[in-house]
Amino acid sequence: ELYRPPPVLIVQLKRFVFSAVQHGKIDSHVAFPLEGLDLSAYVADRSVAADGAIYDLTAVVNHVGSLNGGHYYAYARSAADKRWRTMDDSRCVPMAPGDVVTKNA
């Protein structure tokens, strides 16, 4: 539970597991909305819960590969034109919003 929602919400998923019996990358698909993530049910301060706990996705960092090696790239939505782009090293190209949610997030 949050007392007050932060102005910017950053969520980091644990995508690697390390234990005495198991280690590797967690490839589970996690579904998330591009717009309107409503966390008001988890806010203790009801005076701000109604309008201050709704978030739109701005960016996603992805990893392809394994525990032993891989590559990171990002998807981000432009604040200027609201279009999604994929960014990979020196490349930045437009992408469809429907391609943002993947198992690599």
N, C-alpha and C. Protein backbone atom coordinates (compact mmCIF):
# COMPACT_ATOMS: atom_id res chain seq x y z
N GLU A 1 0.85 -1.18 0.00
CA GLU A 1 0.00 0.00 0.00
C GLU A 1 0.89 1.24 0.00
N LEU A 2 0.49 2.24 -0.76
CA LEU A 2 1.18 3.53 -0.83
C LEU A 2 0.42 4.56 0.00
N TYR A 3 1.14 5.40 0.72
CA TYR A 3 0.44 6.47 1.43
C TYR A 3 -0.04 7.51 0.42
N ARG A 4 0.87 7.96 -0.42
CA ARG A 4 0.53 8.87 -1.51
C ARG A 4 1.20 8.37 -2.78
N PRO A 5 0.53 8.48 -3.90
CA PRO A 5 1.15 8.02 -5.15
C PRO A 5 2.25 8.98 -5.59
N PRO A 6 3.36 8.46 -6.10
CA PRO A 6 4.43 9.34 -6.59
C PRO A 6 4.02 9.99 -7.91
N PRO A 7 4.60 11.16 -8.22
CA PRO A 7 4.28 11.80 -9.51
C PRO A 7 4.72 10.94 -10.69
N VAL A 8 5.83 10.22 -10.53
CA VAL A 8 6.33 9.32 -11.56
C VAL A 8 6.51 7.96 -10.91
N LEU A 9 5.94 6.93 -11.50
CA LEU A 9 6.03 5.58 -10.96
C LEU A 9 6.99 4.77 -11.82
N ILE A 10 8.02 4.20 -11.20
CA ILE A 10 8.98 3.35 -11.90
C ILE A 10 8.84 1.95 -11.32
N VAL A 11 8.59 0.98 -12.19
CA VAL A 11 8.44 -0.41 -11.78
C VAL A 11 9.55 -1.22 -12.42
N GLN A 12 10.30 -1.93 -11.60
CA GLN A 12 11.35 -2.81 -12.10
C GLN A 12 10.97 -4.24 -11.78
N LEU A 13 10.92 -5.08 -12.79
CA LEU A 13 10.59 -6.48 -12.61
C LEU A 13 11.85 -7.31 -12.39
N LYS A 14 11.79 -8.23 -11.46
CA LYS A 14 12.91 -9.15 -11.25
C LYS A 14 12.83 -10.20 -12.35
N ARG A 15 13.77 -10.17 -13.28
CA ARG A 15 13.74 -11.06 -14.43
C ARG A 15 14.80 -12.14 -14.40
N PHE A 16 15.61 -12.18 -13.33
CA PHE A 16 16.62 -13.22 -13.19
C PHE A 16 16.47 -13.86 -11.82
N VAL A 17 16.72 -15.16 -11.73
CA VAL A 17 16.62 -15.87 -10.46
C VAL A 17 17.99 -16.48 -10.14
N PHE A 18 18.42 -16.31 -8.91
CA PHE A 18 19.67 -16.88 -8.42
C PHE A 18 19.38 -17.58 -7.11
N SER A 19 19.63 -18.88 -7.04
CA SER A 19 19.48 -19.61 -5.78
C SER A 19 20.43 -20.80 -5.82
N ALA A 20 20.48 -21.53 -4.74
CA ALA A 20 21.36 -22.70 -4.67
C ALA A 20 20.94 -23.79 -5.65
N VAL A 21 19.65 -23.85 -5.99
CA VAL A 21 19.16 -24.91 -6.87
C VAL A 21 18.77 -24.44 -8.27
N GLN A 22 18.69 -23.14 -8.48
CA GLN A 22 18.22 -22.64 -9.76
C GLN A 22 18.82 -21.28 -10.08
N HIS A 23 19.14 -21.08 -11.34
CA HIS A 23 19.55 -19.75 -11.80
C HIS A 23 19.21 -19.63 -13.28
N GLY A 24 18.83 -18.45 -13.67
CA GLY A 24 18.48 -18.23 -15.06
C GLY A 24 17.58 -17.02 -15.23
N LYS A 25 17.13 -16.85 -16.45
CA LYS A 25 16.26 -15.73 -16.79
C LYS A 25 14.80 -16.16 -16.64
N ILE A 26 13.98 -15.29 -16.10
CA ILE A 26 12.54 -15.52 -15.98
C ILE A 26 11.88 -14.97 -17.24
N ASP A 27 11.29 -15.84 -18.04
CA ASP A 27 10.70 -15.44 -19.32
C ASP A 27 9.19 -15.30 -19.28
N SER A 28 8.61 -15.21 -18.10
CA SER A 28 7.16 -15.09 -17.99
C SER A 28 6.66 -13.81 -18.65
N HIS A 29 5.58 -13.93 -19.40
CA HIS A 29 4.97 -12.75 -20.01
C HIS A 29 4.20 -11.98 -18.95
N VAL A 30 4.43 -10.69 -18.88
CA VAL A 30 3.72 -9.82 -17.94
C VAL A 30 2.91 -8.82 -18.75
N ALA A 31 1.60 -8.88 -18.62
CA ALA A 31 0.73 -7.95 -19.35
C ALA A 31 0.59 -6.67 -18.55
N PHE A 32 0.65 -5.54 -19.23
CA PHE A 32 0.49 -4.24 -18.59
C PHE A 32 -0.16 -3.27 -19.57
N PRO A 33 -0.95 -2.32 -19.05
CA PRO A 33 -1.63 -1.38 -19.94
C PRO A 33 -0.70 -0.26 -20.40
N LEU A 34 -0.92 0.23 -21.60
CA LEU A 34 -0.14 1.37 -22.09
C LEU A 34 -0.67 2.67 -21.49
N GLU A 35 -1.94 2.69 -21.17
CA GLU A 35 -2.55 3.88 -20.59
C GLU A 35 -3.50 3.49 -19.47
N GLY A 36 -3.61 4.36 -18.48
CA GLY A 36 -4.62 4.22 -17.45
C GLY A 36 -4.39 3.17 -16.38
N LEU A 37 -3.13 2.90 -16.01
CA LEU A 37 -2.87 1.99 -14.90
C LEU A 37 -3.37 2.65 -13.62
N ASP A 38 -4.43 2.10 -13.06
CA ASP A 38 -5.10 2.71 -11.91
C ASP A 38 -4.67 2.01 -10.63
N LEU A 39 -3.89 2.70 -9.79
CA LEU A 39 -3.44 2.16 -8.52
C LEU A 39 -4.18 2.78 -7.33
N SER A 40 -5.29 3.44 -7.59
CA SER A 40 -6.00 4.14 -6.52
C SER A 40 -6.47 3.20 -5.41
N ALA A 41 -6.72 1.94 -5.72
CA ALA A 41 -7.14 0.98 -4.69
C ALA A 41 -6.03 0.69 -3.69
N TYR A 42 -4.78 1.05 -4.04
CA TYR A 42 -3.63 0.76 -3.18
C TYR A 42 -3.10 2.00 -2.46
N VAL A 43 -3.82 3.12 -2.57
CA VAL A 43 -3.38 4.38 -1.97
C VAL A 43 -4.14 4.61 -0.66
N ALA A 44 -3.39 4.81 0.42
CA ALA A 44 -3.99 5.00 1.75
C ALA A 44 -4.64 6.37 1.89
N ASP A 45 -4.03 7.40 1.32
CA ASP A 45 -4.55 8.77 1.43
C ASP A 45 -5.66 8.94 0.40
N ARG A 46 -6.88 8.78 0.81
CA ARG A 46 -8.04 8.84 -0.10
C ARG A 46 -8.24 10.21 -0.74
N SER A 47 -7.68 11.26 -0.16
CA SER A 47 -7.85 12.60 -0.75
C SER A 47 -7.12 12.72 -2.09
N VAL A 48 -6.11 11.91 -2.32
CA VAL A 48 -5.39 11.96 -3.60
C VAL A 48 -5.56 10.69 -4.43
N ALA A 49 -6.22 9.70 -3.87
CA ALA A 49 -6.35 8.41 -4.56
C ALA A 49 -7.13 8.50 -5.86
N ALA A 50 -8.16 9.31 -5.90
CA ALA A 50 -9.05 9.34 -7.07
C ALA A 50 -8.38 9.84 -8.33
N ASP A 51 -7.56 10.89 -8.24
CA ASP A 51 -7.00 11.47 -9.46
C ASP A 51 -5.48 11.40 -9.54
N GLY A 52 -4.81 11.03 -8.48
CA GLY A 52 -3.35 11.05 -8.50
C GLY A 52 -2.68 9.72 -8.64
N ALA A 53 -3.43 8.65 -8.87
CA ALA A 53 -2.83 7.32 -8.91
C ALA A 53 -3.09 6.61 -10.24
N ILE A 54 -3.23 7.36 -11.30
CA ILE A 54 -3.43 6.78 -12.63
C ILE A 54 -2.22 7.14 -13.48
N TYR A 55 -1.62 6.10 -14.07
CA TYR A 55 -0.35 6.26 -14.78
C TYR A 55 -0.45 5.76 -16.21
N ASP A 56 0.24 6.46 -17.11
CA ASP A 56 0.39 6.02 -18.50
C ASP A 56 1.83 5.58 -18.70
N LEU A 57 2.01 4.52 -19.46
CA LEU A 57 3.34 3.99 -19.71
C LEU A 57 4.12 4.93 -20.61
N THR A 58 5.38 5.17 -20.25
CA THR A 58 6.24 6.06 -21.03
C THR A 58 7.36 5.30 -21.72
N ALA A 59 7.90 4.26 -21.06
CA ALA A 59 9.02 3.52 -21.64
C ALA A 59 9.09 2.12 -21.05
N VAL A 60 9.74 1.23 -21.80
CA VAL A 60 9.98 -0.15 -21.38
C VAL A 60 11.40 -0.51 -21.78
N VAL A 61 12.13 -1.12 -20.86
CA VAL A 61 13.46 -1.65 -21.18
C VAL A 61 13.30 -3.16 -21.36
N ASN A 62 13.84 -3.67 -22.45
CA ASN A 62 13.73 -5.09 -22.79
C ASN A 62 15.10 -5.76 -22.76
N HIS A 63 15.10 -7.07 -22.50
CA HIS A 63 16.33 -7.85 -22.55
C HIS A 63 16.08 -9.11 -23.35
N VAL A 64 16.92 -9.36 -24.33
CA VAL A 64 16.88 -10.62 -25.07
C VAL A 64 18.18 -11.35 -24.78
N GLY A 65 18.09 -12.64 -24.63
CA GLY A 65 19.27 -13.43 -24.32
C GLY A 65 19.05 -14.25 -23.08
N SER A 66 20.16 -14.54 -22.41
CA SER A 66 20.10 -15.40 -21.24
C SER A 66 20.86 -14.76 -20.10
N LEU A 67 21.01 -15.52 -19.04
CA LEU A 67 21.78 -15.07 -17.89
C LEU A 67 23.24 -14.84 -18.26
N ASN A 68 23.74 -15.63 -19.20
CA ASN A 68 25.15 -15.56 -19.58
C ASN A 68 25.46 -14.46 -20.58
N GLY A 69 24.47 -13.88 -21.18
CA GLY A 69 24.71 -12.82 -22.16
C GLY A 69 23.42 -12.41 -22.81
N GLY A 70 23.43 -11.24 -23.37
CA GLY A 70 22.22 -10.76 -24.02
C GLY A 70 22.37 -9.32 -24.45
N HIS A 71 21.24 -8.73 -24.75
CA HIS A 71 21.23 -7.37 -25.28
C HIS A 71 20.02 -6.62 -24.73
N TYR A 72 20.22 -5.38 -24.35
CA TYR A 72 19.13 -4.52 -23.89
C TYR A 72 18.76 -3.53 -24.98
N TYR A 73 17.48 -3.24 -25.08
CA TYR A 73 16.97 -2.19 -25.97
C TYR A 73 15.72 -1.62 -25.31
N ALA A 74 15.22 -0.51 -25.84
CA ALA A 74 14.10 0.17 -25.18
C ALA A 74 13.01 0.55 -26.16
N TYR A 75 11.81 0.64 -25.61
CA TYR A 75 10.66 1.23 -26.30
C TYR A 75 10.30 2.49 -25.51
N ALA A 76 10.03 3.58 -26.20
CA ALA A 76 9.65 4.81 -25.50
C ALA A 76 8.62 5.57 -26.32
N ARG A 77 7.74 6.25 -25.59
CA ARG A 77 6.72 7.08 -26.23
C ARG A 77 7.16 8.52 -26.16
N SER A 78 7.17 9.19 -27.28
CA SER A 78 7.59 10.59 -27.36
C SER A 78 6.58 11.49 -26.66
N ALA A 79 7.08 12.40 -25.85
CA ALA A 79 6.20 13.38 -25.20
C ALA A 79 5.67 14.38 -26.23
N ALA A 80 6.42 14.60 -27.30
CA ALA A 80 6.04 15.59 -28.30
C ALA A 80 4.89 15.11 -29.19
N ASP A 81 5.02 13.91 -29.76
CA ASP A 81 3.99 13.46 -30.70
C ASP A 81 3.24 12.21 -30.24
N LYS A 82 3.57 11.70 -29.04
CA LYS A 82 2.88 10.54 -28.44
C LYS A 82 3.05 9.24 -29.22
N ARG A 83 4.00 9.19 -30.16
CA ARG A 83 4.24 7.98 -30.94
C ARG A 83 5.30 7.12 -30.25
N TRP A 84 5.13 5.80 -30.37
CA TRP A 84 6.10 4.86 -29.80
C TRP A 84 7.25 4.63 -30.76
N ARG A 85 8.45 4.46 -30.17
CA ARG A 85 9.65 4.20 -30.96
C ARG A 85 10.46 3.10 -30.27
N THR A 86 11.17 2.33 -31.07
CA THR A 86 12.11 1.37 -30.53
C THR A 86 13.52 1.94 -30.68
N MET A 87 14.30 1.83 -29.61
CA MET A 87 15.66 2.36 -29.59
C MET A 87 16.63 1.23 -29.29
N ASP A 88 17.55 1.03 -30.21
CA ASP A 88 18.48 -0.08 -30.12
C ASP A 88 19.85 0.39 -30.58
N ASP A 89 20.72 0.69 -29.64
CA ASP A 89 22.05 1.22 -29.93
C ASP A 89 21.95 2.52 -30.73
N SER A 90 22.26 2.51 -32.01
CA SER A 90 22.25 3.74 -32.80
C SER A 90 20.98 3.90 -33.62
N ARG A 91 19.99 3.05 -33.40
CA ARG A 91 18.78 3.03 -34.22
C ARG A 91 17.57 3.49 -33.40
N CYS A 92 16.77 4.37 -33.98
CA CYS A 92 15.52 4.82 -33.36
C CYS A 92 14.47 4.88 -34.46
N VAL A 93 13.50 3.95 -34.40
CA VAL A 93 12.50 3.85 -35.46
C VAL A 93 11.10 3.77 -34.86
N PRO A 94 10.09 4.26 -35.59
CA PRO A 94 8.71 4.17 -35.11
C PRO A 94 8.26 2.72 -34.97
N MET A 95 7.32 2.49 -34.07
CA MET A 95 6.77 1.16 -33.88
C MET A 95 5.29 1.26 -33.55
N ALA A 96 4.58 0.16 -33.68
CA ALA A 96 3.15 0.11 -33.39
C ALA A 96 2.95 -0.04 -31.88
N PRO A 97 1.99 0.67 -31.29
CA PRO A 97 1.72 0.51 -29.86
C PRO A 97 1.41 -0.92 -29.46
N GLY A 98 0.83 -1.69 -30.34
CA GLY A 98 0.50 -3.08 -30.05
C GLY A 98 1.71 -3.98 -29.88
N ASP A 99 2.89 -3.50 -30.27
CA ASP A 99 4.12 -4.30 -30.15
C ASP A 99 4.91 -3.99 -28.88
N VAL A 100 4.41 -3.09 -28.03
CA VAL A 100 5.16 -2.67 -26.84
C VAL A 100 5.21 -3.77 -25.76
N VAL A 101 4.12 -4.47 -25.55
CA VAL A 101 4.05 -5.48 -24.49
C VAL A 101 4.58 -6.80 -25.02
N THR A 102 5.75 -7.23 -24.49
CA THR A 102 6.36 -8.49 -24.89
C THR A 102 6.90 -9.23 -23.68
N LYS A 103 7.31 -10.47 -23.86
CA LYS A 103 7.90 -11.24 -22.75
C LYS A 103 9.31 -10.78 -22.43
N ASN A 104 9.89 -9.89 -23.23
CA ASN A 104 11.25 -9.41 -22.99
C ASN A 104 11.33 -8.23 -22.02
N ALA A 105 10.16 -7.71 -21.61
CA ALA A 105 10.14 -6.57 -20.70
C ALA A 105 10.65 -6.96 -19.33
